[in-house]
N, C-alpha and C. Protein backbone atom coordinates (compact mmCIF):
# COMPACT_ATOMS: atom_id res chain seq x y z
N UNK A 1 0.47 -1.27 0.37
CA UNK A 1 0.20 0.10 -0.13
C UNK A 1 0.85 1.14 -0.32
N UNK A 2 0.27 2.01 -0.90
CA UNK A 2 1.38 3.49 -0.99
C UNK A 2 0.91 3.89 -0.17
N UNK A 3 2.17 4.79 0.38
CA UNK A 3 1.51 6.26 1.70
C UNK A 3 2.36 7.26 1.78
N UNK A 4 1.67 8.25 1.52
CA UNK A 4 2.30 9.34 1.36
C UNK A 4 2.52 10.48 2.83
N UNK A 5 3.16 11.00 3.52
CA UNK A 5 3.79 11.42 4.45
C UNK A 5 3.65 12.68 4.60
N UNK A 6 3.63 14.04 2.91
CA UNK A 6 3.29 15.06 2.85
C UNK A 6 3.24 15.44 1.37
N UNK A 7 2.65 16.36 1.08
CA UNK A 7 2.26 16.60 -0.09
C UNK A 7 2.16 18.47 -0.20
N UNK A 8 3.49 18.58 -0.65
CA UNK A 8 4.09 19.82 -1.17
C UNK A 8 3.27 20.16 -2.52
N UNK A 9 2.35 21.77 -2.20
CA UNK A 9 1.50 22.14 -3.67
C UNK A 9 2.79 23.47 -3.88
N UNK A 10 3.34 23.71 -5.04
CA UNK A 10 4.24 23.76 -5.51
C UNK A 10 3.53 24.99 -6.34
N UNK A 11 2.83 25.55 -7.07
CA UNK A 11 1.44 26.08 -7.99
C UNK A 11 1.08 26.96 -7.38
N UNK A 12 1.56 27.98 -7.81
CA UNK A 12 0.80 29.50 -7.87
C UNK A 12 -0.29 29.62 -8.15
N UNK A 13 -1.07 30.16 -6.61
CA UNK A 13 -2.85 30.06 -7.62
C UNK A 13 -2.89 31.55 -8.21
N UNK A 14 -4.01 30.31 -9.42
CA UNK A 14 -4.45 31.48 -10.30
C UNK A 14 -5.49 32.23 -9.89
N UNK A 15 -5.58 33.67 -10.08
CA UNK A 15 -6.15 34.44 -10.09
C UNK A 15 -6.57 35.93 -11.14
N UNK A 16 -7.60 36.10 -10.93
CA UNK A 16 -7.80 37.24 -11.96
C UNK A 16 -6.92 37.74 -12.03
N UNK A 17 -6.34 39.15 -12.66
CA UNK A 17 -4.97 40.27 -13.40
C UNK A 17 -4.06 39.73 -12.37
N UNK A 18 -3.55 38.09 -12.15
CA UNK A 18 -2.41 38.45 -11.26
C UNK A 18 -0.74 38.73 -12.27
N UNK A 19 0.63 38.85 -11.90
CA UNK A 19 1.02 39.14 -11.99
C UNK A 19 1.70 37.35 -13.16
N UNK A 20 1.97 37.80 -14.57
CA UNK A 20 2.33 37.07 -15.50
C UNK A 20 3.93 37.54 -15.60
N UNK A 21 3.51 36.75 -17.29
CA UNK A 21 4.40 37.29 -18.68
C UNK A 21 4.56 38.39 -18.93
N UNK A 22 5.21 39.91 -18.91
CA UNK A 22 4.30 40.99 -19.44
C UNK A 22 3.83 41.18 -20.38
N UNK A 23 3.80 40.78 -21.30
CA UNK A 23 3.41 40.67 -22.31
C UNK A 23 2.32 39.85 -23.08
N UNK A 24 1.85 38.80 -22.19
CA UNK A 24 0.98 37.73 -22.23
C UNK A 24 -0.69 39.06 -21.51
N UNK A 25 -1.77 38.88 -21.98
CA UNK A 25 -3.12 38.54 -21.91
C UNK A 25 -2.79 38.57 -20.75
N UNK A 26 -3.93 39.31 -19.56
CA UNK A 26 -3.99 39.20 -18.13
C UNK A 26 -5.16 38.26 -17.98
N UNK A 27 -4.72 37.26 -17.11
CA UNK A 27 -6.19 36.14 -16.72
C UNK A 27 -7.08 36.74 -16.11
N UNK A 28 -8.25 36.13 -16.56
CA UNK A 28 -9.63 36.54 -16.25
C UNK A 28 -10.57 35.61 -15.44
N UNK A 29 -10.58 35.20 -14.37
CA UNK A 29 -11.60 34.83 -14.03
C UNK A 29 -12.70 35.44 -13.85
N UNK A 30 -14.13 34.64 -14.71
CA UNK A 30 -15.06 35.85 -14.16
C UNK A 30 -15.98 34.72 -13.49
N UNK A 31 -17.53 34.78 -12.56
CA UNK A 31 -18.35 34.40 -12.32
C UNK A 31 -19.59 35.00 -13.04
N UNK A 32 -20.00 33.52 -13.80
CA UNK A 32 -21.03 33.56 -14.66
C UNK A 32 -22.23 33.16 -13.73
N UNK A 33 -21.83 32.73 -13.45
CA UNK A 33 -23.53 31.88 -12.36
C UNK A 33 -23.39 31.43 -10.55
N UNK A 34 -24.45 32.17 -9.97
CA UNK A 34 -24.52 32.28 -8.12
C UNK A 34 -25.66 31.14 -8.33
N UNK A 35 -24.92 30.47 -7.26
CA UNK A 35 -25.97 30.07 -6.10
C UNK A 35 -27.31 30.25 -6.25
N UNK A 36 -27.22 31.95 -5.69
CA UNK A 36 -28.27 32.35 -4.99
C UNK A 36 -29.68 32.64 -6.52
N UNK A 37 -28.32 32.73 -7.50
CA UNK A 37 -29.36 33.11 -8.39
C UNK A 37 -29.94 32.01 -8.93
N UNK A 38 -28.71 31.64 -9.44
CA UNK A 38 -28.89 30.32 -10.45
C UNK A 38 -28.97 29.09 -9.85
N UNK A 39 -28.45 28.52 -8.39
CA UNK A 39 -29.09 27.63 -8.17
C UNK A 39 -27.60 26.81 -8.29
N UNK A 40 -26.74 27.24 -9.28
CA UNK A 40 -25.24 26.76 -9.05
C UNK A 40 -24.31 27.73 -9.48
N UNK A 41 -22.82 27.82 -9.05
CA UNK A 41 -21.61 28.55 -8.93
C UNK A 41 -21.03 28.09 -9.62
N UNK A 42 -20.76 28.84 -10.85
CA UNK A 42 -20.14 29.03 -11.81
C UNK A 42 -19.04 29.88 -12.67
N UNK A 43 -17.57 29.37 -13.59
CA UNK A 43 -17.49 30.34 -14.15
C UNK A 43 -16.45 30.54 -15.60
N UNK A 44 -16.32 31.74 -15.63
CA UNK A 44 -15.51 31.65 -17.08
C UNK A 44 -13.73 31.46 -16.62
N UNK A 45 -12.94 31.24 -17.76
CA UNK A 45 -11.82 32.17 -17.48
C UNK A 45 -11.20 31.99 -19.11
N UNK A 46 -10.00 33.58 -19.25
CA UNK A 46 -9.66 33.02 -20.15
C UNK A 46 -8.35 33.80 -20.33
N UNK A 47 -7.57 34.05 -20.90
CA UNK A 47 -5.95 34.36 -20.80
C UNK A 47 -5.24 33.46 -21.31
N UNK A 48 -3.71 33.91 -21.45
CA UNK A 48 -2.75 32.76 -21.95
C UNK A 48 -2.92 30.97 -21.46
N UNK A 49 -2.39 30.03 -22.06
CA UNK A 49 -2.44 28.93 -21.40
C UNK A 49 -0.97 29.11 -20.38
N UNK A 50 -0.30 30.21 -20.35
CA UNK A 50 1.28 30.10 -20.28
C UNK A 50 1.18 31.14 -19.06
N UNK A 51 -0.37 30.79 -18.18
CA UNK A 51 -0.48 31.86 -17.70
C UNK A 51 -0.15 31.30 -15.96
N UNK A 52 0.54 31.63 -14.51
CA UNK A 52 0.60 30.99 -13.33
C UNK A 52 1.45 29.50 -13.54
N UNK A 53 1.42 28.97 -12.54
CA UNK A 53 2.00 27.49 -12.93
C UNK A 53 2.31 27.08 -13.99
N UNK A 54 2.90 26.20 -15.04
CA UNK A 54 2.95 26.24 -16.28
C UNK A 54 3.88 25.03 -16.61
N UNK A 55 3.26 24.68 -18.20
CA UNK A 55 4.58 23.42 -18.64
C UNK A 55 4.67 24.14 -20.21
N UNK A 56 6.06 24.35 -20.35
CA UNK A 56 5.86 25.05 -22.20
C UNK A 56 6.19 23.11 -22.91
N UNK A 57 5.62 23.51 -23.99
CA UNK A 57 6.08 21.97 -24.86
C UNK A 57 6.49 22.15 -25.93
N UNK A 58 6.96 21.62 -26.24
CA UNK A 58 8.37 21.39 -27.90
C UNK A 58 7.29 22.75 -28.94
N UNK A 59 6.35 22.29 -29.61
CA UNK A 59 5.28 23.52 -30.08
C UNK A 59 5.75 24.63 -29.48
N UNK A 60 6.35 25.04 -28.24
CA UNK A 60 5.64 26.94 -28.02
C UNK A 60 6.96 27.31 -28.95
N UNK A 61 7.71 26.50 -29.24
CA UNK A 61 9.36 27.67 -29.64
C UNK A 61 9.29 26.55 -31.35
N UNK A 62 9.14 25.44 -31.60
CA UNK A 62 9.95 25.08 -32.61
C UNK A 62 8.73 24.33 -33.60
N UNK A 63 8.87 25.36 -34.76
CA UNK A 63 7.96 25.05 -35.41
C UNK A 63 7.24 23.27 -35.38
N UNK A 64 7.71 22.44 -35.82
CA UNK A 64 7.07 20.96 -35.92
C UNK A 64 7.51 20.50 -34.45
N UNK A 65 7.39 20.85 -33.41
CA UNK A 65 7.68 20.51 -32.25
C UNK A 65 6.41 19.60 -31.53
N UNK A 66 6.24 18.61 -30.44
CA UNK A 66 4.75 17.83 -30.29
C UNK A 66 4.01 19.38 -29.53
N UNK A 67 3.24 19.37 -29.24
CA UNK A 67 1.95 19.91 -28.27
C UNK A 67 1.76 18.91 -27.43
N UNK A 68 1.56 20.11 -26.25
CA UNK A 68 1.58 19.64 -24.56
C UNK A 68 0.45 18.10 -24.93
N UNK A 69 -0.43 17.72 -25.77
CA UNK A 69 -1.03 16.83 -24.96
C UNK A 69 -0.59 15.56 -26.28
N UNK A 70 1.03 15.96 -26.82
CA UNK A 70 1.39 14.82 -27.35
C UNK A 70 2.37 14.01 -26.56
N UNK A 71 2.88 15.17 -25.39
CA UNK A 71 3.95 14.87 -25.14
C UNK A 71 3.88 13.45 -23.80
N UNK A 72 4.73 12.39 -23.56
CA UNK A 72 4.50 10.99 -23.20
C UNK A 72 4.54 11.57 -21.28
N UNK A 73 2.96 11.13 -21.21
CA UNK A 73 2.71 11.47 -19.42
C UNK A 73 4.38 10.96 -18.46
N UNK A 74 5.13 9.80 -19.11
CA UNK A 74 5.31 9.51 -17.94
C UNK A 74 6.84 10.85 -17.79
N UNK A 75 6.80 11.45 -18.25
CA UNK A 75 7.79 13.28 -18.30
C UNK A 75 7.44 13.91 -17.08
N UNK A 76 6.05 13.88 -16.56
CA UNK A 76 5.33 14.54 -15.67
C UNK A 76 5.20 14.05 -14.27
N UNK A 77 5.90 12.64 -14.22
CA UNK A 77 6.20 12.31 -12.64
C UNK A 77 6.76 11.48 -13.29
N UNK A 78 7.63 11.48 -11.55
CA UNK A 78 8.56 10.80 -11.24
C UNK A 78 9.61 11.42 -10.20
N UNK A 79 10.89 10.98 -10.11
CA UNK A 79 11.50 10.85 -8.63
C UNK A 79 12.57 12.53 -9.18
N UNK A 80 12.07 13.63 -8.50
CA UNK A 80 12.20 14.51 -8.61
C UNK A 80 13.32 15.41 -7.38
N UNK A 81 14.63 15.79 -7.45
CA UNK A 81 14.91 16.72 -6.42
C UNK A 81 15.19 18.45 -6.56
N UNK A 82 15.29 18.76 -5.61
CA UNK A 82 15.07 20.74 -5.40
C UNK A 82 16.86 21.43 -5.44
N UNK A 83 17.13 21.84 -5.75
CA UNK A 83 18.19 22.98 -6.52
C UNK A 83 18.14 23.76 -5.49
N UNK A 84 18.62 24.02 -4.49
CA UNK A 84 18.80 25.91 -3.93
C UNK A 84 19.67 26.75 -4.54
N UNK A 85 19.49 27.61 -5.08
CA UNK A 85 20.58 28.18 -6.78
C UNK A 85 20.70 29.90 -5.69
N UNK A 86 21.79 30.60 -5.27
CA UNK A 86 22.01 31.90 -5.78
C UNK A 86 22.69 31.93 -7.10
N UNK A 87 21.47 33.00 -7.67
CA UNK A 87 22.11 33.27 -9.15
C UNK A 87 22.69 34.27 -8.96
N UNK A 88 23.82 34.21 -10.67
CA UNK A 88 25.09 35.45 -10.43
C UNK A 88 24.08 36.42 -11.36
N UNK A 89 23.70 37.26 -10.29
CA UNK A 89 22.93 38.19 -11.10
C UNK A 89 21.33 37.48 -11.85
N UNK A 90 21.77 37.48 -13.52
CA UNK A 90 20.01 37.31 -13.82
C UNK A 90 20.51 36.17 -14.26
N UNK A 91 21.37 35.08 -13.49
CA UNK A 91 21.94 33.83 -14.41
C UNK A 91 21.90 32.52 -13.24
N UNK A 92 21.78 31.49 -13.66
CA UNK A 92 21.83 30.59 -12.69
C UNK A 92 22.75 29.67 -13.98
N UNK A 93 23.99 29.43 -14.15
CA UNK A 93 24.90 29.07 -14.66
C UNK A 93 25.34 27.37 -14.26
N UNK A 94 25.66 26.82 -15.24
CA UNK A 94 26.28 25.60 -14.99
C UNK A 94 26.74 25.40 -14.39
N UNK A 95 28.28 26.51 -13.44
CA UNK A 95 28.34 25.83 -12.08
C UNK A 95 27.57 25.53 -10.60
N UNK A 96 26.34 26.65 -10.95
CA UNK A 96 25.99 26.21 -9.66
C UNK A 96 25.00 25.05 -9.94
N UNK A 97 24.86 24.74 -10.92
CA UNK A 97 23.87 22.99 -10.81
C UNK A 97 25.40 21.75 -10.53
N UNK A 98 26.12 21.91 -10.55
CA UNK A 98 27.61 21.34 -10.64
C UNK A 98 27.91 21.00 -9.27
N UNK A 99 27.73 22.31 -8.73
CA UNK A 99 28.78 22.34 -7.37
C UNK A 99 27.33 21.88 -6.59
N UNK A 100 26.36 21.52 -6.96
CA UNK A 100 25.29 21.31 -6.19
C UNK A 100 24.74 19.49 -6.60
N UNK A 101 25.42 18.95 -7.72
CA UNK A 101 24.24 17.96 -8.62
C UNK A 101 25.00 16.56 -7.55
N UNK A 102 24.39 15.42 -7.26
CA UNK A 102 24.56 14.11 -7.29
C UNK A 102 24.57 13.52 -8.65
N UNK A 103 24.83 12.29 -8.48
CA UNK A 103 24.73 11.45 -8.59
C UNK A 103 23.38 10.75 -9.32
N UNK A 104 22.22 10.77 -8.29
CA UNK A 104 21.43 10.25 -8.26
C UNK A 104 20.26 10.47 -8.98
N UNK A 105 20.53 12.19 -9.26
CA UNK A 105 19.76 13.35 -10.55
C UNK A 105 20.19 13.49 -11.45
N UNK A 106 20.85 12.43 -12.11
CA UNK A 106 20.76 11.72 -13.62
C UNK A 106 19.52 10.97 -13.84
N UNK A 107 18.51 11.66 -14.42
CA UNK A 107 18.21 11.20 -15.71
C UNK A 107 16.69 11.91 -14.29
N UNK A 108 15.93 13.14 -13.18
CA UNK A 108 15.68 13.46 -12.92
C UNK A 108 14.63 13.87 -13.05
N UNK A 109 13.41 14.63 -11.69
CA UNK A 109 12.96 15.98 -12.71
C UNK A 109 13.79 16.65 -11.31
N UNK A 110 14.87 17.58 -12.16
CA UNK A 110 14.93 18.96 -11.20
C UNK A 110 14.25 20.51 -11.63
N UNK A 111 13.75 20.38 -9.91
CA UNK A 111 13.45 21.76 -9.50
C UNK A 111 14.70 22.69 -9.15
N UNK A 112 14.31 23.44 -10.25
CA UNK A 112 15.61 25.15 -9.65
C UNK A 112 14.87 26.02 -8.30
N UNK A 113 15.07 26.35 -7.75
CA UNK A 113 15.02 27.41 -6.61
C UNK A 113 16.09 28.28 -6.47
N UNK A 114 15.31 29.59 -7.10
CA UNK A 114 15.65 30.86 -6.35
C UNK A 114 15.03 31.55 -5.62
N UNK A 115 14.26 31.30 -5.21
CA UNK A 115 14.16 32.33 -4.32
C UNK A 115 12.67 33.77 -5.22
N UNK A 116 12.65 33.65 -6.43
CA UNK A 116 11.37 34.47 -6.88
C UNK A 116 10.85 34.75 -6.88
N UNK A 117 10.20 33.89 -6.81
CA UNK A 117 8.39 33.51 -6.03
C UNK A 117 8.29 34.45 -5.27
N UNK A 118 8.73 34.63 -4.43
CA UNK A 118 8.84 35.51 -3.14
C UNK A 118 8.84 36.77 -3.84
N UNK A 119 8.73 37.69 -4.48
CA UNK A 119 8.95 38.65 -5.03
C UNK A 119 7.99 38.99 -5.40
N UNK A 120 6.93 37.99 -5.96
CA UNK A 120 5.93 38.21 -7.37
C UNK A 120 5.07 39.34 -7.01
N UNK A 121 4.40 40.25 -7.60
CA UNK A 121 4.20 41.51 -7.67
C UNK A 121 4.13 42.00 -8.90
N UNK A 122 3.25 43.17 -9.42
CA UNK A 122 3.75 44.00 -10.20
C UNK A 122 4.69 45.24 -10.57
N UNK A 123 5.76 44.40 -10.67
CA UNK A 123 7.11 45.25 -10.18
C UNK A 123 7.92 44.56 -11.34
N UNK A 124 8.58 45.99 -12.00
CA UNK A 124 10.06 45.49 -12.74
C UNK A 124 11.04 44.59 -12.92
N UNK A 125 10.91 44.65 -11.35
CA UNK A 125 11.81 43.86 -10.87
C UNK A 125 11.20 41.88 -11.51
N UNK A 126 10.00 41.97 -10.46
CA UNK A 126 9.42 40.67 -10.50
C UNK A 126 9.18 40.74 -11.90
N UNK A 127 8.72 41.28 -13.10
CA UNK A 127 7.96 39.89 -14.39
C UNK A 127 9.17 40.74 -15.48
N UNK A 128 10.33 40.82 -15.00
CA UNK A 128 11.43 42.02 -16.11
C UNK A 128 12.70 41.48 -15.37
N UNK A 129 13.08 41.51 -14.16
CA UNK A 129 14.56 40.79 -13.82
C UNK A 129 15.10 40.05 -13.34
N UNK A 130 14.24 38.55 -13.48
CA UNK A 130 14.11 37.77 -12.95
C UNK A 130 15.46 37.24 -13.40
N UNK A 131 16.06 35.52 -12.70
CA UNK A 131 16.87 35.05 -13.26
C UNK A 131 16.42 33.81 -13.87
N UNK A 132 17.42 33.54 -14.57
CA UNK A 132 17.38 31.84 -15.58
C UNK A 132 18.20 31.25 -15.96
N UNK A 133 17.92 30.23 -16.13
CA UNK A 133 19.34 29.40 -16.89
C UNK A 133 19.84 30.29 -18.12
N UNK A 134 21.83 30.10 -18.04
CA UNK A 134 22.17 30.27 -18.95
C UNK A 134 22.19 28.45 -20.29
N UNK A 135 23.51 29.29 -21.37
CA UNK A 135 22.92 27.83 -22.06
C UNK A 135 23.61 26.73 -21.50
N UNK A 136 24.83 27.14 -21.00
CA UNK A 136 25.54 26.19 -20.61
C UNK A 136 24.92 25.45 -19.43
N UNK A 137 24.38 25.96 -18.37
CA UNK A 137 23.16 25.19 -17.51
C UNK A 137 22.24 24.46 -18.56
N UNK A 138 21.89 25.27 -19.66
CA UNK A 138 20.65 24.20 -19.79
C UNK A 138 21.65 22.77 -21.20
N UNK A 139 22.55 23.25 -21.27
CA UNK A 139 23.39 21.90 -21.52
C UNK A 139 23.70 21.01 -20.93
N UNK A 140 24.41 21.44 -19.80
CA UNK A 140 24.52 20.75 -17.82
C UNK A 140 23.19 19.95 -18.21
N UNK A 141 22.68 20.30 -17.83
CA UNK A 141 21.35 19.17 -18.06
C UNK A 141 20.63 18.29 -19.31
N UNK A 142 20.89 18.44 -20.51
CA UNK A 142 20.71 17.85 -21.12
C UNK A 142 21.66 16.69 -21.14
N UNK A 143 23.57 17.08 -20.92
CA UNK A 143 24.04 16.04 -20.97
C UNK A 143 23.49 15.14 -19.64
N UNK A 144 22.53 15.28 -18.60
CA UNK A 144 22.55 14.19 -17.06
C UNK A 144 20.79 14.24 -17.83
N UNK A 145 20.29 14.08 -18.73
CA UNK A 145 19.44 13.18 -18.93
C UNK A 145 18.13 13.85 -18.55
N UNK A 146 18.24 15.40 -17.58
CA UNK A 146 16.90 15.45 -16.89
C UNK A 146 15.95 14.72 -18.06
N UNK A 147 14.55 14.76 -17.33
CA UNK A 147 13.23 14.39 -17.75
C UNK A 147 12.23 15.30 -17.89
N UNK A 148 12.69 16.61 -16.90
CA UNK A 148 11.36 17.01 -16.83
C UNK A 148 12.54 18.61 -15.82
N UNK A 149 12.37 19.76 -15.84
CA UNK A 149 12.87 20.94 -15.40
C UNK A 149 12.29 21.75 -14.96
N UNK A 150 12.07 22.37 -13.69
CA UNK A 150 11.06 23.13 -13.04
C UNK A 150 12.04 24.62 -12.70
N UNK A 151 11.43 26.11 -12.58
CA UNK A 151 12.08 27.12 -12.33
C UNK A 151 10.77 28.05 -11.61
N UNK A 152 11.67 28.62 -10.13
CA UNK A 152 10.63 29.18 -9.55
C UNK A 152 10.35 30.79 -10.25
N UNK A 153 10.74 30.86 -11.90
CA UNK A 153 10.43 32.53 -12.26
C UNK A 153 9.29 32.46 -13.56
N UNK A 154 9.14 33.68 -13.78
CA UNK A 154 8.90 34.01 -14.86
C UNK A 154 8.85 33.13 -16.04
N UNK A 155 10.68 32.80 -16.81
CA UNK A 155 10.70 32.20 -17.58
C UNK A 155 12.16 31.35 -17.20
N UNK A 156 12.37 30.25 -18.29
CA UNK A 156 13.55 29.41 -17.69
C UNK A 156 14.42 30.22 -18.15
N UNK A 157 14.18 30.99 -19.04
CA UNK A 157 15.76 31.95 -18.71
C UNK A 157 15.51 33.50 -18.51
N UNK A 158 16.60 34.40 -18.89
CA UNK A 158 15.94 35.57 -18.40
C UNK A 158 15.54 36.36 -19.49
N UNK A 159 14.62 37.51 -18.81
CA UNK A 159 13.54 37.74 -19.92
C UNK A 159 14.27 38.81 -20.94
N UNK A 160 15.55 38.89 -20.66
CA UNK A 160 16.58 40.05 -21.65
C UNK A 160 17.44 39.30 -22.45
N UNK A 161 17.42 37.90 -22.73
CA UNK A 161 17.58 36.60 -23.33
C UNK A 161 15.62 36.18 -24.25
N UNK A 162 15.95 37.53 -25.10
CA UNK A 162 14.43 37.32 -26.41
C UNK A 162 15.78 36.69 -27.72
N UNK A 163 16.18 36.04 -27.97
CA UNK A 163 16.95 35.00 -28.58
C UNK A 163 15.66 33.75 -28.31
N UNK A 164 15.86 33.28 -26.82
CA UNK A 164 15.19 32.38 -25.87
C UNK A 164 16.60 30.54 -26.81
N UNK A 165 17.77 30.97 -26.58
CA UNK A 165 18.21 28.88 -26.95
C UNK A 165 18.04 28.45 -25.98
N UNK A 166 18.04 29.01 -24.83
CA UNK A 166 17.72 27.77 -23.66
C UNK A 166 16.29 27.02 -24.22
N UNK A 167 15.04 28.23 -23.58
CA UNK A 167 13.75 27.41 -24.50
C UNK A 167 14.11 26.28 -25.39
N UNK A 168 14.71 27.08 -26.38
CA UNK A 168 15.25 26.00 -27.78
C UNK A 168 16.04 24.69 -28.00
N UNK A 169 17.00 25.01 -26.63
CA UNK A 169 18.00 24.20 -26.58
C UNK A 169 17.40 23.20 -26.13
N UNK A 170 16.38 22.90 -24.89
CA UNK A 170 15.78 21.65 -23.58
C UNK A 170 14.85 20.73 -24.53
N UNK A 171 13.86 22.22 -25.04
CA UNK A 171 12.55 21.58 -26.08
C UNK A 171 12.87 21.36 -26.96
N UNK A 172 14.07 21.77 -27.44
CA UNK A 172 14.90 20.61 -28.87
C UNK A 172 15.16 18.90 -29.21
N UNK A 173 15.76 18.71 -27.71
CA UNK A 173 15.74 17.55 -26.62
C UNK A 173 14.96 16.57 -26.55
N UNK A 174 12.87 17.71 -26.37
CA UNK A 174 12.41 16.93 -25.97
C UNK A 174 12.20 17.10 -24.12
N UNK A 175 12.87 17.98 -23.71
CA UNK A 175 12.75 18.16 -22.27
C UNK A 175 11.69 19.20 -21.93
N UNK A 176 10.56 19.07 -21.83
CA UNK A 176 9.49 20.24 -21.30
C UNK A 176 10.13 20.85 -19.88
N UNK A 177 9.60 21.88 -19.64
CA UNK A 177 9.83 22.68 -18.47
C UNK A 177 8.92 23.10 -18.11
N UNK A 178 8.66 23.21 -16.72
CA UNK A 178 7.84 24.22 -15.87
C UNK A 178 7.66 25.44 -15.34
N UNK A 179 7.15 26.28 -15.26
CA UNK A 179 8.18 27.84 -15.36
C UNK A 179 7.00 28.25 -13.95
N UNK A 180 6.96 29.38 -12.83
CA UNK A 180 6.52 29.96 -11.92
C UNK A 180 5.98 29.02 -11.21
N UNK A 181 7.00 27.92 -10.55
CA UNK A 181 6.39 27.50 -9.22
C UNK A 181 6.03 28.17 -8.28
N UNK A 182 6.39 27.81 -7.09
CA UNK A 182 5.98 28.62 -6.57
C UNK A 182 5.92 27.31 -4.77
N UNK A 183 6.14 28.30 -4.04
CA UNK A 183 6.49 27.50 -2.65
C UNK A 183 7.94 26.45 -2.43
N UNK A 184 9.43 26.23 -3.18
CA UNK A 184 10.12 25.37 -3.64
C UNK A 184 11.21 25.32 -1.89
N UNK A 185 11.19 26.70 -0.82
CA UNK A 185 11.39 26.71 0.18
C UNK A 185 11.05 25.46 1.21
N UNK A 186 10.26 25.14 0.62
CA UNK A 186 9.06 24.00 1.63
C UNK A 186 10.16 22.76 1.30
N UNK A 187 10.50 22.66 0.40
CA UNK A 187 11.35 21.23 -0.30
C UNK A 187 12.73 21.47 0.32
N UNK A 188 12.88 20.13 0.83
CA UNK A 188 14.53 19.55 1.25
C UNK A 188 15.41 19.89 0.03
N UNK A 189 16.82 20.36 0.39
CA UNK A 189 17.30 19.44 -0.69
C UNK A 189 18.11 18.81 -1.24
N UNK A 190 17.78 18.35 -1.99
CA UNK A 190 18.82 16.68 -2.24
C UNK A 190 18.04 15.91 -1.56
N UNK A 191 16.99 15.74 -1.11
CA UNK A 191 15.80 14.77 -0.84
C UNK A 191 15.07 14.83 -1.72
N UNK A 192 14.85 12.70 -2.02
CA UNK A 192 13.98 13.01 -3.23
C UNK A 192 12.39 13.00 -3.19
N UNK A 193 11.81 13.29 -4.03
CA UNK A 193 10.42 13.38 -3.97
C UNK A 193 9.65 13.05 -4.73
N UNK A 194 9.08 12.52 -4.96
CA UNK A 194 7.77 12.04 -5.55
C UNK A 194 7.38 13.39 -6.84
N UNK A 195 7.84 13.59 -7.95
CA UNK A 195 6.71 14.88 -8.44
C UNK A 195 5.57 14.62 -9.83
N UNK A 196 4.90 15.42 -9.44
CA UNK A 196 3.57 14.98 -10.06
C UNK A 196 3.33 16.52 -10.90
N UNK A 197 3.72 16.60 -12.33
CA UNK A 197 3.37 17.47 -12.23
C UNK A 197 2.28 18.18 -13.61
N UNK A 198 1.03 18.17 -13.34
CA UNK A 198 -0.03 16.95 -15.00
C UNK A 198 -0.27 18.64 -15.43
N UNK A 199 -0.34 19.17 -16.70
CA UNK A 199 -0.82 19.66 -16.91
C UNK A 199 -2.53 19.21 -17.95
N UNK A 200 -2.64 20.24 -18.55
CA UNK A 200 -4.21 20.16 -18.94
C UNK A 200 -3.87 19.35 -20.51
N UNK A 201 -4.94 18.51 -20.63
CA UNK A 201 -4.63 17.67 -22.64
C UNK A 201 -5.37 18.53 -23.35
N UNK A 202 -4.95 19.49 -23.40
CA UNK A 202 -5.52 20.45 -24.20
C UNK A 202 -4.96 20.54 -25.65
N UNK A 203 -5.52 19.98 -26.75
CA UNK A 203 -5.33 19.37 -28.06
C UNK A 203 -4.79 20.44 -28.81
N UNK A 204 -3.57 20.23 -29.69
CA UNK A 204 -2.91 21.20 -30.11
C UNK A 204 -1.92 22.53 -29.28
N UNK A 205 -2.04 22.32 -28.64
CA UNK A 205 -1.75 24.01 -27.32
C UNK A 205 -0.10 23.37 -26.96
N UNK A 206 0.10 24.76 -26.84
CA UNK A 206 2.16 24.74 -26.85
C UNK A 206 2.09 24.94 -25.46
N UNK A 207 1.42 24.67 -24.59
CA UNK A 207 1.54 23.89 -23.42
C UNK A 207 0.09 24.59 -22.37
N UNK A 208 0.27 24.65 -21.24
CA UNK A 208 -0.87 24.45 -20.91
C UNK A 208 -0.36 25.32 -18.92
N UNK A 209 -1.19 25.42 -18.20
CA UNK A 209 -1.78 25.87 -16.98
C UNK A 209 -1.23 24.63 -16.28
N UNK A 210 -0.58 24.28 -15.14
CA UNK A 210 -0.29 22.82 -14.32
C UNK A 210 -0.45 23.06 -12.66
N UNK A 211 -0.97 21.33 -12.47
CA UNK A 211 -0.72 21.62 -10.65
C UNK A 211 0.78 20.52 -10.48
N UNK A 212 1.57 21.46 -9.95
CA UNK A 212 2.60 21.07 -9.31
C UNK A 212 2.34 20.41 -7.90
N UNK A 213 3.08 19.51 -7.71
CA UNK A 213 3.38 18.39 -6.29
C UNK A 213 4.01 18.23 -5.99
N UNK A 214 4.81 18.25 -4.86
CA UNK A 214 6.05 17.28 -4.64
C UNK A 214 5.90 16.94 -3.94
N UNK A 215 5.79 14.79 -3.75
CA UNK A 215 5.14 14.17 -2.44
C UNK A 215 6.61 13.76 -1.53
N UNK A 216 6.80 13.34 -0.44
CA UNK A 216 6.90 12.86 0.52
C UNK A 216 6.45 11.39 0.57
N UNK A 217 7.06 10.00 0.47
CA UNK A 217 6.85 8.90 0.54
C UNK A 217 7.55 7.94 1.40
N UNK A 218 6.83 7.27 2.00
CA UNK A 218 7.53 6.13 3.18
C UNK A 218 8.37 5.72 2.13
């Protein structure tokens, strides 16, 4: 029998007009039915599929890349580890990962904590100055055969890197990634978790909002 000791929810709550990627349309969740008036409560939702905690599929950056519904679900569930970093300005470099890397991390899900999610707000700092992976860090993760990567910023690479080389490098190797994770300081560095990161099965979509959890197992 499976026994779960604890569940860590790493998903930012979705709410109307929440801070997201600065050029994306703001998310709007609108009530259209109330129990008092209609006998039921229901809402509509509009916004980008890349709102809040979400997963990017290869189709996001590659013309012939597979879409979120075409990714093998095994990519989204597995043993994962949190790596806590202190970025070099806007950059999480390969050296930051190498100094923390353990052999058991190879082939696993890697969640990168920068602490940036704590700055959440409609500020230039949070939306435009967040840190992210450098190309050499992405290359290192590819070499270690990771199955999924996550980070607690709005993008896998810094906003200033408008060529999206890191996006393309990871996605071209079939490695999807989670952006805008939340609450990674609840995780212990080096401790194995069962990570479950499930996107919506939206046909033909370049990505999807996801509920991401790290489970402590007996």
